[in-house]
N, C-alpha and C. Protein backbone atom coordinates (compact mmCIF):
# COMPACT_ATOMS: atom_id res chain seq x y z
N MET A 1 2.11 18.00 9.08
CA MET A 1 1.22 16.70 8.83
C MET A 1 1.81 15.72 7.90
N SER A 2 1.95 14.73 7.72
CA SER A 2 2.36 13.78 7.27
C SER A 2 1.75 12.93 6.47
N ILE A 3 2.13 12.57 5.26
CA ILE A 3 1.21 11.60 4.21
C ILE A 3 1.51 10.38 4.49
N ARG A 4 0.44 9.62 4.87
CA ARG A 4 0.64 8.15 5.27
C ARG A 4 0.35 7.40 3.92
N VAL A 5 1.37 6.41 3.65
CA VAL A 5 1.53 5.86 2.55
C VAL A 5 1.46 4.17 2.93
N LEU A 6 0.49 3.44 2.08
CA LEU A 6 0.64 1.91 2.08
C LEU A 6 1.23 1.59 0.94
N LEU A 7 2.47 0.51 0.90
CA LEU A 7 2.96 -0.04 -0.22
C LEU A 7 2.38 -1.38 -0.31
N ALA A 8 2.22 -1.57 -1.71
CA ALA A 8 1.73 -3.09 -2.01
C ALA A 8 2.48 -3.57 -3.34
N ASP A 9 3.21 -4.53 -3.19
CA ASP A 9 3.77 -5.29 -4.11
C ASP A 9 4.40 -6.50 -3.64
N ASP A 10 4.32 -7.32 -4.62
CA ASP A 10 4.86 -8.98 -4.30
C ASP A 10 6.27 -9.16 -4.45
N HIS A 11 7.02 -8.08 -4.86
CA HIS A 11 8.58 -8.16 -4.73
C HIS A 11 9.01 -7.25 -3.56
N SER A 12 9.53 -7.80 -2.59
CA SER A 12 10.17 -7.17 -1.50
C SER A 12 11.17 -6.26 -1.92
N VAL A 13 11.96 -6.35 -2.64
CA VAL A 13 13.28 -5.53 -2.98
C VAL A 13 12.78 -4.11 -3.82
N LEU A 14 11.41 -4.18 -4.48
CA LEU A 14 10.91 -3.18 -4.91
C LEU A 14 10.19 -2.31 -3.84
N ARG A 15 9.40 -2.90 -3.04
CA ARG A 15 8.74 -2.45 -1.84
C ARG A 15 9.83 -1.57 -1.09
N ASP A 16 10.96 -2.35 -0.66
CA ASP A 16 11.68 -1.83 0.33
C ASP A 16 12.32 -0.46 -0.63
N GLY A 17 12.77 -0.68 -1.67
CA GLY A 17 13.39 0.50 -2.44
C GLY A 17 12.51 1.72 -2.37
N VAL A 18 11.05 1.48 -2.74
CA VAL A 18 10.29 2.57 -2.73
C VAL A 18 10.11 3.15 -1.49
N ALA A 19 10.19 2.15 -0.43
CA ALA A 19 9.95 3.02 0.91
C ALA A 19 11.11 3.61 1.21
N ALA A 20 12.22 3.27 0.93
CA ALA A 20 13.42 4.08 1.25
C ALA A 20 13.32 5.53 0.91
N LEU A 21 12.91 5.42 -0.74
CA LEU A 21 12.82 6.73 -1.43
C LEU A 21 11.97 7.58 -0.62
N LEU A 22 10.63 7.17 -0.34
CA LEU A 22 9.70 7.86 0.36
C LEU A 22 10.01 8.22 1.60
N GLN A 23 10.47 7.24 2.37
CA GLN A 23 10.79 7.72 3.95
C GLN A 23 11.98 9.22 3.92
N ALA A 24 12.76 9.21 2.72
CA ALA A 24 13.90 9.88 2.73
C ALA A 24 13.13 11.43 2.56
N GLN A 25 11.82 11.56 1.86
CA GLN A 25 11.27 12.67 1.96
C GLN A 25 10.42 13.55 3.05
N GLU A 26 10.81 14.58 3.26
CA GLU A 26 10.17 15.03 4.59
C GLU A 26 8.40 15.18 4.35
N GLY A 27 7.83 14.87 5.09
CA GLY A 27 6.34 14.95 5.05
C GLY A 27 5.33 13.45 4.61
N ILE A 28 6.60 12.62 4.43
CA ILE A 28 6.03 11.21 3.93
C ILE A 28 6.37 9.89 4.70
N SER A 29 5.30 9.26 5.30
CA SER A 29 5.54 8.37 6.01
C SER A 29 4.85 6.97 5.57
N VAL A 30 5.62 6.21 5.37
CA VAL A 30 5.14 4.77 5.07
C VAL A 30 4.83 3.90 6.02
N VAL A 31 3.55 3.60 5.91
CA VAL A 31 2.86 3.20 7.55
C VAL A 31 2.56 1.67 7.24
N ALA A 32 2.63 0.95 6.19
CA ALA A 32 2.31 -0.56 5.95
C ALA A 32 2.94 -0.84 4.71
N HIS A 33 3.30 -2.29 4.74
CA HIS A 33 3.59 -2.84 3.59
C HIS A 33 2.69 -4.01 3.26
N ALA A 34 2.48 -4.58 1.99
CA ALA A 34 1.63 -5.76 1.84
C ALA A 34 2.32 -6.29 0.76
N GLN A 35 2.29 -7.96 0.84
CA GLN A 35 2.92 -8.52 -0.51
C GLN A 35 2.07 -9.23 -1.23
N ASP A 36 0.60 -9.05 -0.84
CA ASP A 36 -0.40 -9.47 -1.82
C ASP A 36 -1.66 -8.55 -1.82
N GLY A 37 -2.70 -8.69 -2.58
CA GLY A 37 -3.73 -8.11 -2.64
C GLY A 37 -4.68 -8.15 -1.50
N ARG A 38 -4.58 -9.31 -0.83
CA ARG A 38 -5.57 -9.44 0.35
C ARG A 38 -5.00 -8.80 1.43
N GLU A 39 -3.68 -8.93 1.57
CA GLU A 39 -2.98 -8.25 2.55
C GLU A 39 -3.04 -6.98 2.58
N ALA A 40 -2.96 -6.26 1.26
CA ALA A 40 -3.11 -4.72 0.80
C ALA A 40 -4.41 -4.15 1.62
N VAL A 41 -5.76 -5.16 1.37
CA VAL A 41 -7.04 -4.56 1.92
C VAL A 41 -6.83 -4.70 3.25
N ARG A 42 -6.45 -5.94 4.02
CA ARG A 42 -6.29 -5.81 5.39
C ARG A 42 -5.49 -4.65 5.89
N LYS A 43 -4.40 -4.36 5.35
CA LYS A 43 -3.63 -3.47 5.92
C LYS A 43 -4.06 -1.91 5.78
N ALA A 44 -4.92 -1.82 4.71
CA ALA A 44 -5.60 -0.56 4.44
C ALA A 44 -6.74 -0.26 5.48
N THR A 45 -7.23 -1.20 5.61
CA THR A 45 -8.50 -1.07 6.63
C THR A 45 -7.77 -0.75 7.94
N GLU A 46 -6.79 -1.42 8.37
CA GLU A 46 -6.27 -1.05 9.66
C GLU A 46 -5.61 0.14 9.63
N PHE A 47 -4.73 0.47 8.93
CA PHE A 47 -4.09 1.68 9.20
C PHE A 47 -4.23 2.84 8.37
N LYS A 48 -5.51 2.89 7.61
CA LYS A 48 -5.97 4.20 7.00
C LYS A 48 -5.03 4.99 6.36
N PRO A 49 -4.34 4.27 5.27
CA PRO A 49 -3.43 5.54 4.66
C PRO A 49 -4.15 6.62 3.76
N ASP A 50 -3.32 7.54 3.88
CA ASP A 50 -3.72 8.43 2.88
C ASP A 50 -3.62 8.22 1.18
N VAL A 51 -2.53 7.27 1.03
CA VAL A 51 -2.34 7.07 -0.25
C VAL A 51 -1.88 5.46 -0.27
N ALA A 52 -2.24 4.71 -1.40
CA ALA A 52 -1.87 3.61 -1.56
C ALA A 52 -1.28 3.36 -2.89
N ILE A 53 0.12 2.83 -2.84
CA ILE A 53 0.67 2.62 -4.08
C ILE A 53 0.54 1.20 -4.53
N MET A 54 -0.19 0.63 -5.39
CA MET A 54 -0.45 -0.85 -5.91
C MET A 54 -0.13 -1.25 -6.94
N ASP A 55 0.55 -2.42 -6.79
CA ASP A 55 1.32 -3.06 -7.82
C ASP A 55 -0.01 -3.75 -8.59
N ILE A 56 -0.03 -3.50 -10.18
CA ILE A 56 -1.15 -4.24 -10.60
C ILE A 56 -1.45 -5.80 -10.57
N VAL A 57 -0.19 -6.48 -10.79
CA VAL A 57 -0.13 -7.60 -10.83
C VAL A 57 0.37 -8.36 -9.57
N MET A 58 -0.44 -8.75 -8.86
CA MET A 58 -0.06 -9.45 -7.25
C MET A 58 -0.92 -10.79 -7.16
N PRO A 59 -0.28 -11.59 -6.15
CA PRO A 59 -1.13 -12.77 -6.17
C PRO A 59 -2.12 -12.39 -5.19
N GLU A 60 -3.14 -13.33 -4.98
CA GLU A 60 -4.60 -13.55 -4.29
C GLU A 60 -5.40 -12.32 -4.74
N LEU A 61 -5.18 -11.25 -4.95
CA LEU A 61 -6.16 -10.08 -5.49
C LEU A 61 -5.22 -9.25 -6.42
N ASN A 62 -5.41 -8.69 -7.56
CA ASN A 62 -4.47 -7.82 -8.12
C ASN A 62 -4.85 -6.35 -7.72
N GLY A 63 -3.84 -5.67 -8.01
CA GLY A 63 -3.97 -4.39 -7.45
C GLY A 63 -5.29 -3.32 -7.98
N ILE A 64 -6.07 -3.83 -8.81
CA ILE A 64 -7.12 -3.32 -9.21
C ILE A 64 -8.20 -3.67 -8.40
N GLU A 65 -8.53 -5.03 -8.21
CA GLU A 65 -9.44 -5.53 -7.59
C GLU A 65 -9.14 -5.17 -5.85
N ALA A 66 -8.03 -5.12 -5.70
CA ALA A 66 -7.69 -4.60 -4.11
C ALA A 66 -7.98 -3.16 -3.97
N THR A 67 -7.84 -2.43 -5.02
CA THR A 67 -8.14 -0.86 -4.60
C THR A 67 -9.51 -0.99 -4.59
N ALA A 68 -10.32 -1.64 -5.67
CA ALA A 68 -11.82 -1.55 -5.40
C ALA A 68 -12.45 -2.04 -4.33
N LEU A 69 -11.92 -2.80 -3.61
CA LEU A 69 -12.32 -3.56 -2.38
C LEU A 69 -12.17 -2.28 -1.34
N VAL A 70 -10.76 -1.66 -1.17
CA VAL A 70 -10.52 -0.64 -0.12
C VAL A 70 -11.33 0.63 -0.39
N HIS A 71 -11.76 0.88 -1.76
CA HIS A 71 -12.57 2.20 -1.95
C HIS A 71 -13.91 1.66 -1.38
N GLN A 72 -14.47 0.56 -1.66
CA GLN A 72 -15.78 0.25 -1.06
C GLN A 72 -15.84 0.33 0.48
N SER A 73 -14.74 -0.22 0.92
CA SER A 73 -14.81 -0.42 2.55
C SER A 73 -14.74 1.07 3.16
N SER A 74 -14.18 1.97 2.48
CA SER A 74 -14.12 3.30 3.04
C SER A 74 -15.16 4.27 3.11
N ARG A 75 -16.28 3.69 2.42
CA ARG A 75 -17.37 4.73 2.14
C ARG A 75 -18.37 4.44 3.48
């Protein structure tokens, strides 16, 4: 069983670096990337990750607001 991860950060270099580190680990699969809070909410709804790694400061919605929306929609 693989842990499915969503990465949300407005800096593509950071997203790509974290994705590379995670993908190198057995049992972890990065299923989606998002560059802002609204995209993170959409991708979380679409891909249903087990874990979301969210930047706190992002355009559109910050990571805290996006996480709250994802949590509300998963109920």
